[in-house]
Amino acid sequence: MKKAIIICLGMFLLLAGCSNGKTKETLASSSEGNASSNSLVSESKSQSTSNSAQATTSKTAEHLNSQETSTSDGNREYPYEVSLNELKSEGAFTRNGMNIPQRIELTFEEDTQGIASFINTGPEREYVTSFAISYQSIPTKAIRIFSAETNEIRTVYVNTELVLGNRLSSDQGRDMSGNLYVFINKSGNLSLATPNYAGNVETKDFDIMLEYLPK
């Protein structure tokens, strides 16, 4: 009877030892699995952070490049500007009409300072009024003009202004006040825009200027 009890007790202890070993193995395996899982999560977060940093760096670089391109390679500050040399190469502009100068001559002898001569052709002789003018570039401005050949009203953009100064000489009593503008027309030639010296328009059209073309 004692032997049977001893044998049963031995078997119980043996089974308990095996069960405890398996539990430890299970816990160890679970711990290793958790460690592996945590490692993968950590690697994933690290990779995500790295990608995010790279994306941020890339976007920052693109933004800076965009700013640099916009500043250095974008449109010029004065896209409709007519250079002083281009203006000097023309010299005279004409337009047919009554009560207006039929010809305007521009001369520049001292850099941007020059003279504008407004010439009216009479039956017997020409009448000339001259003003000092200064050439300058201005921010883009939209103006309306009566087209030289068709008298059609159209809008053009200008960056070049000729500012009228003092009257230098006159053999006629006409008012030629008001600044002039120069631009390149659709034909690739220069156009000169002047106030409407005839004044034969309604009040709402007082701003519309006259287009003169090179002689």
C-alpha atoms as a PDB file:
ATOM      1  CA  MET A   1       0.000   0.000   0.000  1.00  0.00           C
ATOM      2  CA  LYS A   2       2.838   2.376   0.902  1.00  0.00           C
ATOM      3  CA  LYS A   3       4.569   1.567  -2.371  1.00  0.00           C
ATOM      4  CA  ALA A   4       1.435   2.441  -4.292  1.00  0.00           C
ATOM      5  CA  ILE A   5       1.185   5.760  -2.469  1.00  0.00           C
ATOM      6  CA  ILE A   6       4.858   6.524  -3.116  1.00  0.00           C
ATOM      7  CA  ILE A   7       4.485   5.659  -6.799  1.00  0.00           C
ATOM      8  CA  CYS A   8       1.384   7.872  -7.120  1.00  0.00           C
ATOM      9  CA  LEU A   9       3.166  10.734  -5.349  1.00  0.00           C
ATOM     10  CA  GLY A  10       6.174  10.378  -7.651  1.00  0.00           C
ATOM     11  CA  MET A  11       4.022  10.441 -10.743  1.00  0.00           C
ATOM     12  CA  PHE A  12       2.200  13.537  -9.452  1.00  0.00           C
ATOM     13  CA  LEU A  13       5.465  15.379  -8.853  1.00  0.00           C
ATOM     14  CA  LEU A  14       6.720  14.362 -12.289  1.00  0.00           C
ATOM     15  CA  LEU A  15       3.555  15.627 -13.983  1.00  0.00           C
ATOM     16  CA  ALA A  16       3.718  18.886 -11.988  1.00  0.00           C
ATOM     17  CA  GLY A  17       7.326  19.394 -13.090  1.00  0.00           C
ATOM     18  CA  CYS A  18       6.472  18.867 -16.743  1.00  0.00           C
ATOM     19  CA  SER A  19       3.513  21.251 -16.512  1.00  0.00           C
ATOM     20  CA  ASN A  20       5.659  23.928 -14.895  1.00  0.00           C
ATOM     21  CA  GLY A  21       8.283  23.519 -17.643  1.00  0.00           C
ATOM     22  CA  LYS A  22       5.698  23.906 -20.349  1.00  0.00           C
ATOM     23  CA  THR A  23       4.293  27.015 -18.618  1.00  0.00           C
ATOM     24  CA  LYS A  24       7.768  28.560 -18.510  1.00  0.00           C
ATOM     25  CA  GLU A  25       8.313  27.702 -22.157  1.00  0.00           C
ATOM     26  CA  THR A  26       4.935  29.257 -23.022  1.00  0.00           C
ATOM     27  CA  LEU A  27       5.767  32.408 -21.051  1.00  0.00           C
ATOM     28  CA  ALA A  28       9.201  32.597 -22.645  1.00  0.00           C
ATOM     29  CA  SER A  29       7.713  32.133 -26.093  1.00  0.00           C
ATOM     30  CA  SER A  30       5.074  34.791 -25.383  1.00  0.00           C
ATOM     31  CA  SER A  31       7.750  37.160 -24.112  1.00  0.00           C
ATOM     32  CA  GLU A  32       9.857  36.592 -27.208  1.00  0.00           C
ATOM     33  CA  GLY A  33       6.767  37.168 -29.403  1.00  0.00           C
ATOM     34  CA  ASN A  34       5.956  40.414 -27.617  1.00  0.00           C
ATOM     35  CA  ALA A  35       9.550  41.558 -27.917  1.00  0.00           C
ATOM     36  CA  SER A  36       9.531  40.748 -31.620  1.00  0.00           C
ATOM     37  CA  SER A  37       6.207  42.540 -32.067  1.00  0.00           C
ATOM     38  CA  ASN A  38       7.468  45.594 -30.158  1.00  0.00           C
ATOM     39  CA  SER A  39      10.601  45.575 -32.283  1.00  0.00           C
ATOM     40  CA  LEU A  40       8.532  45.543 -35.483  1.00  0.00           C
ATOM     41  CA  VAL A  41       6.316  48.367 -34.196  1.00  0.00           C
ATOM     42  CA  SER A  42       9.391  50.371 -33.237  1.00  0.00           C
ATOM     43  CA  GLU A  43      10.980  49.789 -36.641  1.00  0.00           C
ATOM     44  CA  SER A  44       7.703  50.754 -38.343  1.00  0.00           C
ATOM     45  CA  LYS A  45       7.468  53.983 -36.315  1.00  0.00           C
ATOM     46  CA  SER A  46      11.108  54.752 -37.020  1.00  0.00           C
ATOM     47  CA  GLN A  47      10.602  54.201 -40.748  1.00  0.00           C
ATOM     48  CA  SER A  48       7.428  56.317 -40.695  1.00  0.00           C
ATOM     49  CA  THR A  49       9.249  59.130 -38.868  1.00  0.00           C
ATOM     50  CA  SER A  50      12.110  58.916 -41.352  1.00  0.00           C
ATOM     51  CA  ASN A  51       9.726  59.044 -44.327  1.00  0.00           C
ATOM     52  CA  SER A  52       7.864  61.961 -42.769  1.00  0.00           C
ATOM     53  CA  ALA A  53      11.109  63.848 -42.224  1.00  0.00           C
ATOM     54  CA  GLN A  54      12.190  63.161 -45.802  1.00  0.00           C
ATOM     55  CA  ALA A  55       8.803  64.321 -47.115  1.00  0.00           C
ATOM     56  CA  THR A  56       9.006  67.508 -45.023  1.00  0.00           C
ATOM     57  CA  THR A  57      12.541  68.184 -46.242  1.00  0.00           C
ATOM     58  CA  SER A  58      11.458  67.547 -49.825  1.00  0.00           C
ATOM     59  CA  LYS A  59       8.459  69.896 -49.529  1.00  0.00           C
ATOM     60  CA  THR A  60      10.632  72.581 -47.935  1.00  0.00           C
ATOM     61  CA  ALA A  61      13.171  72.259 -50.741  1.00  0.00           C
ATOM     62  CA  GLU A  62      10.421  72.429 -53.368  1.00  0.00           C
ATOM     63  CA  HIS A  63       8.988  75.563 -51.712  1.00  0.00           C
ATOM     64  CA  LEU A  64      12.375  77.257 -51.647  1.00  0.00           C
ATOM     65  CA  ASN A  65      13.056  76.282 -55.246  1.00  0.00           C
ATOM     66  CA  SER A  66       9.638  77.628 -56.222  1.00  0.00           C
ATOM     67  CA  GLN A  67      10.374  80.944 -54.520  1.00  0.00           C
ATOM     68  CA  GLU A  68      13.770  81.184 -56.169  1.00  0.00           C
ATOM     69  CA  THR A  69      12.301  80.362 -59.589  1.00  0.00           C
ATOM     70  CA  SER A  70       9.509  82.885 -59.115  1.00  0.00           C
ATOM     71  CA  THR A  71      12.032  85.548 -58.185  1.00  0.00           C
ATOM     72  CA  SER A  72      14.737  84.819 -60.740  1.00  0.00           C
ATOM     73  CA  ASP A  73      12.996  83.151 -63.672  1.00  0.00           C
ATOM     74  CA  GLY A  74       9.448  84.526 -63.462  1.00  0.00           C
ATOM     75  CA  ASN A  75       7.939  87.412 -65.385  1.00  0.00           C
ATOM     76  CA  ARG A  76       9.924  90.595 -65.452  1.00  0.00           C
ATOM     77  CA  GLU A  77       8.901  93.371 -63.127  1.00  0.00           C
ATOM     78  CA  TYR A  78       7.956  95.465 -66.177  1.00  0.00           C
ATOM     79  CA  PRO A  79       6.702  92.990 -68.808  1.00  0.00           C
ATOM     80  CA  TYR A  80       5.350  95.711 -71.133  1.00  0.00           C
ATOM     81  CA  GLU A  81       8.316  98.044 -70.861  1.00  0.00           C
ATOM     82  CA  VAL A  82       9.769  99.772 -73.921  1.00  0.00           C
ATOM     83  CA  SER A  83      13.476 100.462 -73.560  1.00  0.00           C
ATOM     84  CA  LEU A  84      14.879 103.926 -74.054  1.00  0.00           C
ATOM     85  CA  ASN A  85      16.952 102.669 -76.989  1.00  0.00           C
ATOM     86  CA  GLU A  86      13.828 101.301 -78.695  1.00  0.00           C
ATOM     87  CA  LEU A  87      12.119 104.632 -78.210  1.00  0.00           C
ATOM     88  CA  LYS A  88      15.105 106.558 -79.562  1.00  0.00           C
ATOM     89  CA  SER A  89      15.130 104.390 -82.687  1.00  0.00           C
ATOM     90  CA  GLU A  90      11.646 105.583 -83.674  1.00  0.00           C
ATOM     91  CA  GLY A  91      11.685 109.263 -82.857  1.00  0.00           C
ATOM     92  CA  ALA A  92       8.404 110.366 -84.487  1.00  0.00           C
ATOM     93  CA  PHE A  93       4.771 109.211 -84.306  1.00  0.00           C
ATOM     94  CA  THR A  94       1.806 110.298 -86.422  1.00  0.00           C
ATOM     95  CA  ARG A  95      -1.980 110.176 -86.432  1.00  0.00           C
ATOM     96  CA  ASN A  96      -4.605 111.616 -88.732  1.00  0.00           C
ATOM     97  CA  GLY A  97      -7.347 113.747 -87.208  1.00  0.00           C
ATOM     98  CA  MET A  98      -8.755 117.200 -86.591  1.00  0.00           C
ATOM     99  CA  ASN A  99      -7.825 119.389 -83.634  1.00  0.00           C
ATOM    100  CA  ILE A 100      -4.925 117.146 -82.634  1.00  0.00           C
ATOM    101  CA  PRO A 101      -1.181 117.201 -83.327  1.00  0.00           C
ATOM    102  CA  GLN A 102      -0.642 115.224 -86.519  1.00  0.00           C
ATOM    103  CA  ARG A 103       2.942 114.446 -85.537  1.00  0.00           C
ATOM    104  CA  ILE A 104       4.787 114.050 -82.242  1.00  0.00           C
ATOM    105  CA  GLU A 105       8.582 113.963 -82.231  1.00  0.00           C
ATOM    106  CA  LEU A 106      10.542 112.601 -79.271  1.00  0.00           C
ATOM    107  CA  THR A 107      14.239 113.304 -78.738  1.00  0.00           C
ATOM    108  CA  PHE A 108      16.479 112.239 -75.853  1.00  0.00           C
ATOM    109  CA  GLU A 109      19.849 113.900 -75.505  1.00  0.00           C
ATOM    110  CA  GLU A 110      20.570 113.522 -71.789  1.00  0.00           C
ATOM    111  CA  ASP A 111      19.840 109.959 -70.748  1.00  0.00           C
ATOM    112  CA  THR A 112      16.167 109.814 -69.662  1.00  0.00           C
ATOM    113  CA  GLN A 113      15.557 113.533 -70.144  1.00  0.00           C
ATOM    114  CA  GLY A 114      14.237 114.655 -73.508  1.00  0.00           C
ATOM    115  CA  ILE A 115      11.903 116.864 -75.505  1.00  0.00           C
ATOM    116  CA  ALA A 116       8.464 116.169 -76.978  1.00  0.00           C
ATOM    117  CA  SER A 117       7.468 118.351 -79.926  1.00  0.00           C
ATOM    118  CA  PHE A 118       3.763 118.447 -80.818  1.00  0.00           C
ATOM    119  CA  ILE A 119       3.331 119.474 -84.441  1.00  0.00           C
ATOM    120  CA  ASN A 120       0.085 120.664 -86.016  1.00  0.00           C
ATOM    121  CA  THR A 121       0.087 120.996 -89.772  1.00  0.00           C
ATOM    122  CA  GLY A 122      -1.793 124.061 -90.988  1.00  0.00           C
ATOM    123  CA  PRO A 123      -2.666 125.174 -94.532  1.00  0.00           C
ATOM    124  CA  GLU A 124       0.430 127.341 -94.760  1.00  0.00           C
ATOM    125  CA  ARG A 125       2.866 126.105 -92.120  1.00  0.00           C
ATOM    126  CA  GLU A 126       3.461 123.854 -89.119  1.00  0.00           C
ATOM    127  CA  TYR A 127       2.791 124.926 -85.540  1.00  0.00           C
ATOM    128  CA  VAL A 128       5.042 123.441 -82.884  1.00  0.00           C
ATOM    129  CA  THR A 129       4.728 123.230 -79.107  1.00  0.00           C
ATOM    130  CA  SER A 130       7.611 121.653 -77.176  1.00  0.00           C
ATOM    131  CA  PHE A 131       7.735 120.243 -73.647  1.00  0.00           C
ATOM    132  CA  ALA A 132      10.480 118.772 -71.536  1.00  0.00           C
ATOM    133  CA  ILE A 133       9.817 115.076 -70.878  1.00  0.00           C
ATOM    134  CA  SER A 134      11.333 112.402 -68.675  1.00  0.00           C
ATOM    135  CA  TYR A 135      11.333 108.663 -69.372  1.00  0.00           C
ATOM    136  CA  GLN A 136      10.401 106.349 -66.515  1.00  0.00           C
ATOM    137  CA  SER A 137       9.224 102.797 -65.817  1.00  0.00           C
ATOM    138  CA  ILE A 138       6.013 102.357 -63.836  1.00  0.00           C
ATOM    139  CA  PRO A 139       4.072  99.393 -62.404  1.00  0.00           C
ATOM    140  CA  THR A 140       1.831  97.725 -64.973  1.00  0.00           C
ATOM    141  CA  LYS A 141      -1.095  99.958 -65.805  1.00  0.00           C
ATOM    142  CA  ALA A 142      -4.136  99.349 -68.016  1.00  0.00           C
ATOM    143  CA  ILE A 143      -5.241 102.171 -70.298  1.00  0.00           C
ATOM    144  CA  ARG A 144      -7.934 102.508 -72.939  1.00  0.00           C
ATOM    145  CA  ILE A 145      -7.105 103.922 -76.345  1.00  0.00           C
ATOM    146  CA  PHE A 146      -8.733 104.845 -79.634  1.00  0.00           C
ATOM    147  CA  SER A 147      -6.883 102.657 -82.146  1.00  0.00           C
ATOM    148  CA  ALA A 148      -4.881 104.642 -84.684  1.00  0.00           C
ATOM    149  CA  GLU A 149      -6.272 103.057 -87.834  1.00  0.00           C
ATOM    150  CA  THR A 150      -9.821 102.030 -86.892  1.00  0.00           C
ATOM    151  CA  ASN A 151     -10.635 104.304 -83.935  1.00  0.00           C
ATOM    152  CA  GLU A 152     -11.789 101.149 -82.150  1.00  0.00           C
ATOM    153  CA  ILE A 153     -11.556 101.309 -78.362  1.00  0.00           C
ATOM    154  CA  ARG A 154      -9.234  98.726 -76.853  1.00  0.00           C
ATOM    155  CA  THR A 155      -7.392  98.173 -73.587  1.00  0.00           C
ATOM    156  CA  VAL A 156      -3.605  97.890 -73.498  1.00  0.00           C
ATOM    157  CA  TYR A 157      -1.047  97.495 -70.713  1.00  0.00           C
ATOM    158  CA  VAL A 158       1.914  99.793 -70.249  1.00  0.00           C
ATOM    159  CA  ASN A 159       5.058 100.052 -68.125  1.00  0.00           C
ATOM    160  CA  THR A 160       6.679 103.040 -69.849  1.00  0.00           C
ATOM    161  CA  GLU A 161       5.590 106.587 -69.095  1.00  0.00           C
ATOM    162  CA  LEU A 162       6.798 109.894 -70.514  1.00  0.00           C
ATOM    163  CA  VAL A 163       6.188 112.592 -67.935  1.00  0.00           C
ATOM    164  CA  LEU A 164       5.565 116.058 -69.360  1.00  0.00           C
ATOM    165  CA  GLY A 165       7.515 118.833 -67.688  1.00  0.00           C
ATOM    166  CA  ASN A 166       7.805 122.517 -68.454  1.00  0.00           C
ATOM    167  CA  ARG A 167       6.717 123.974 -71.766  1.00  0.00           C
ATOM    168  CA  LEU A 168       9.817 125.015 -73.664  1.00  0.00           C
ATOM    169  CA  SER A 169       8.297 126.789 -76.658  1.00  0.00           C
ATOM    170  CA  SER A 170       4.971 127.318 -78.385  1.00  0.00           C
ATOM    171  CA  ASP A 171       3.599 129.112 -81.402  1.00  0.00           C
ATOM    172  CA  GLN A 172       0.048 127.977 -80.774  1.00  0.00           C
ATOM    173  CA  GLY A 173      -2.333 128.306 -77.859  1.00  0.00           C
ATOM    174  CA  ARG A 174      -3.215 124.644 -77.530  1.00  0.00           C
ATOM    175  CA  ASP A 175      -3.231 122.679 -74.266  1.00  0.00           C
ATOM    176  CA  MET A 176      -0.980 119.607 -74.518  1.00  0.00           C
ATOM    177  CA  SER A 177      -0.961 118.701 -70.838  1.00  0.00           C
ATOM    178  CA  GLY A 178      -0.965 115.084 -69.691  1.00  0.00           C
ATOM    179  CA  ASN A 179       1.599 112.295 -69.647  1.00  0.00           C
ATOM    180  CA  LEU A 180       2.285 109.936 -72.549  1.00  0.00           C
ATOM    181  CA  TYR A 181       2.721 106.155 -72.618  1.00  0.00           C
ATOM    182  CA  VAL A 182       4.648 103.872 -74.944  1.00  0.00           C
ATOM    183  CA  PHE A 183       3.953 100.184 -75.590  1.00  0.00           C
ATOM    184  CA  ILE A 184       4.545  97.460 -78.158  1.00  0.00           C
ATOM    185  CA  ASN A 185       1.416  96.740 -80.193  1.00  0.00           C
ATOM    186  CA  LYS A 186       0.236  93.417 -81.636  1.00  0.00           C
ATOM    187  CA  SER A 187       2.167  94.064 -84.842  1.00  0.00           C
ATOM    188  CA  GLY A 188       5.405  94.222 -82.876  1.00  0.00           C
ATOM    189  CA  ASN A 189       5.826  97.950 -83.465  1.00  0.00           C
ATOM    190  CA  LEU A 190       5.804 100.799 -80.990  1.00  0.00           C
ATOM    191  CA  SER A 191       2.680 102.796 -80.209  1.00  0.00           C
ATOM    192  CA  LEU A 192       2.474 106.126 -78.432  1.00  0.00           C
ATOM    193  CA  ALA A 193      -0.600 106.853 -76.302  1.00  0.00           C
ATOM    194  CA  THR A 194      -1.510 110.485 -75.642  1.00  0.00           C
ATOM    195  CA  PRO A 195      -4.416 112.315 -74.015  1.00  0.00           C
ATOM    196  CA  ASN A 196      -7.329 112.963 -76.343  1.00  0.00           C
ATOM    197  CA  TYR A 197      -6.409 116.492 -77.361  1.00  0.00           C
ATOM    198  CA  ALA A 198      -9.574 116.879 -79.465  1.00  0.00           C
ATOM    199  CA  GLY A 199     -11.786 116.333 -76.412  1.00  0.00           C
ATOM    200  CA  ASN A 200     -14.754 115.332 -78.576  1.00  0.00           C
ATOM    201  CA  VAL A 201     -16.037 112.554 -76.291  1.00  0.00           C
ATOM    202  CA  GLU A 202     -18.581 112.045 -73.531  1.00  0.00           C
ATOM    203  CA  THR A 203     -17.536 112.512 -69.921  1.00  0.00           C
ATOM    204  CA  LYS A 204     -17.402 108.745 -69.332  1.00  0.00           C
ATOM    205  CA  ASP A 205     -14.789 108.436 -72.098  1.00  0.00           C
ATOM    206  CA  PHE A 206     -12.425 111.205 -70.994  1.00  0.00           C
ATOM    207  CA  ASP A 207      -9.858 108.594 -69.946  1.00  0.00           C
ATOM    208  CA  ILE A 208      -9.592 107.093 -73.451  1.00  0.00           C
ATOM    209  CA  MET A 209      -6.288 108.053 -75.047  1.00  0.00           C
ATOM    210  CA  LEU A 210      -5.187 108.394 -78.679  1.00  0.00           C
ATOM    211  CA  GLU A 211      -2.862 105.892 -80.320  1.00  0.00           C
ATOM    212  CA  TYR A 212      -0.075 107.262 -82.521  1.00  0.00           C
ATOM    213  CA  LEU A 213       2.011 104.996 -84.745  1.00  0.00           C
ATOM    214  CA  PRO A 214       5.616 105.414 -85.915  1.00  0.00           C
ATOM    215  CA  LYS A 215       6.032 107.751 -88.860  1.00  0.00           C
END
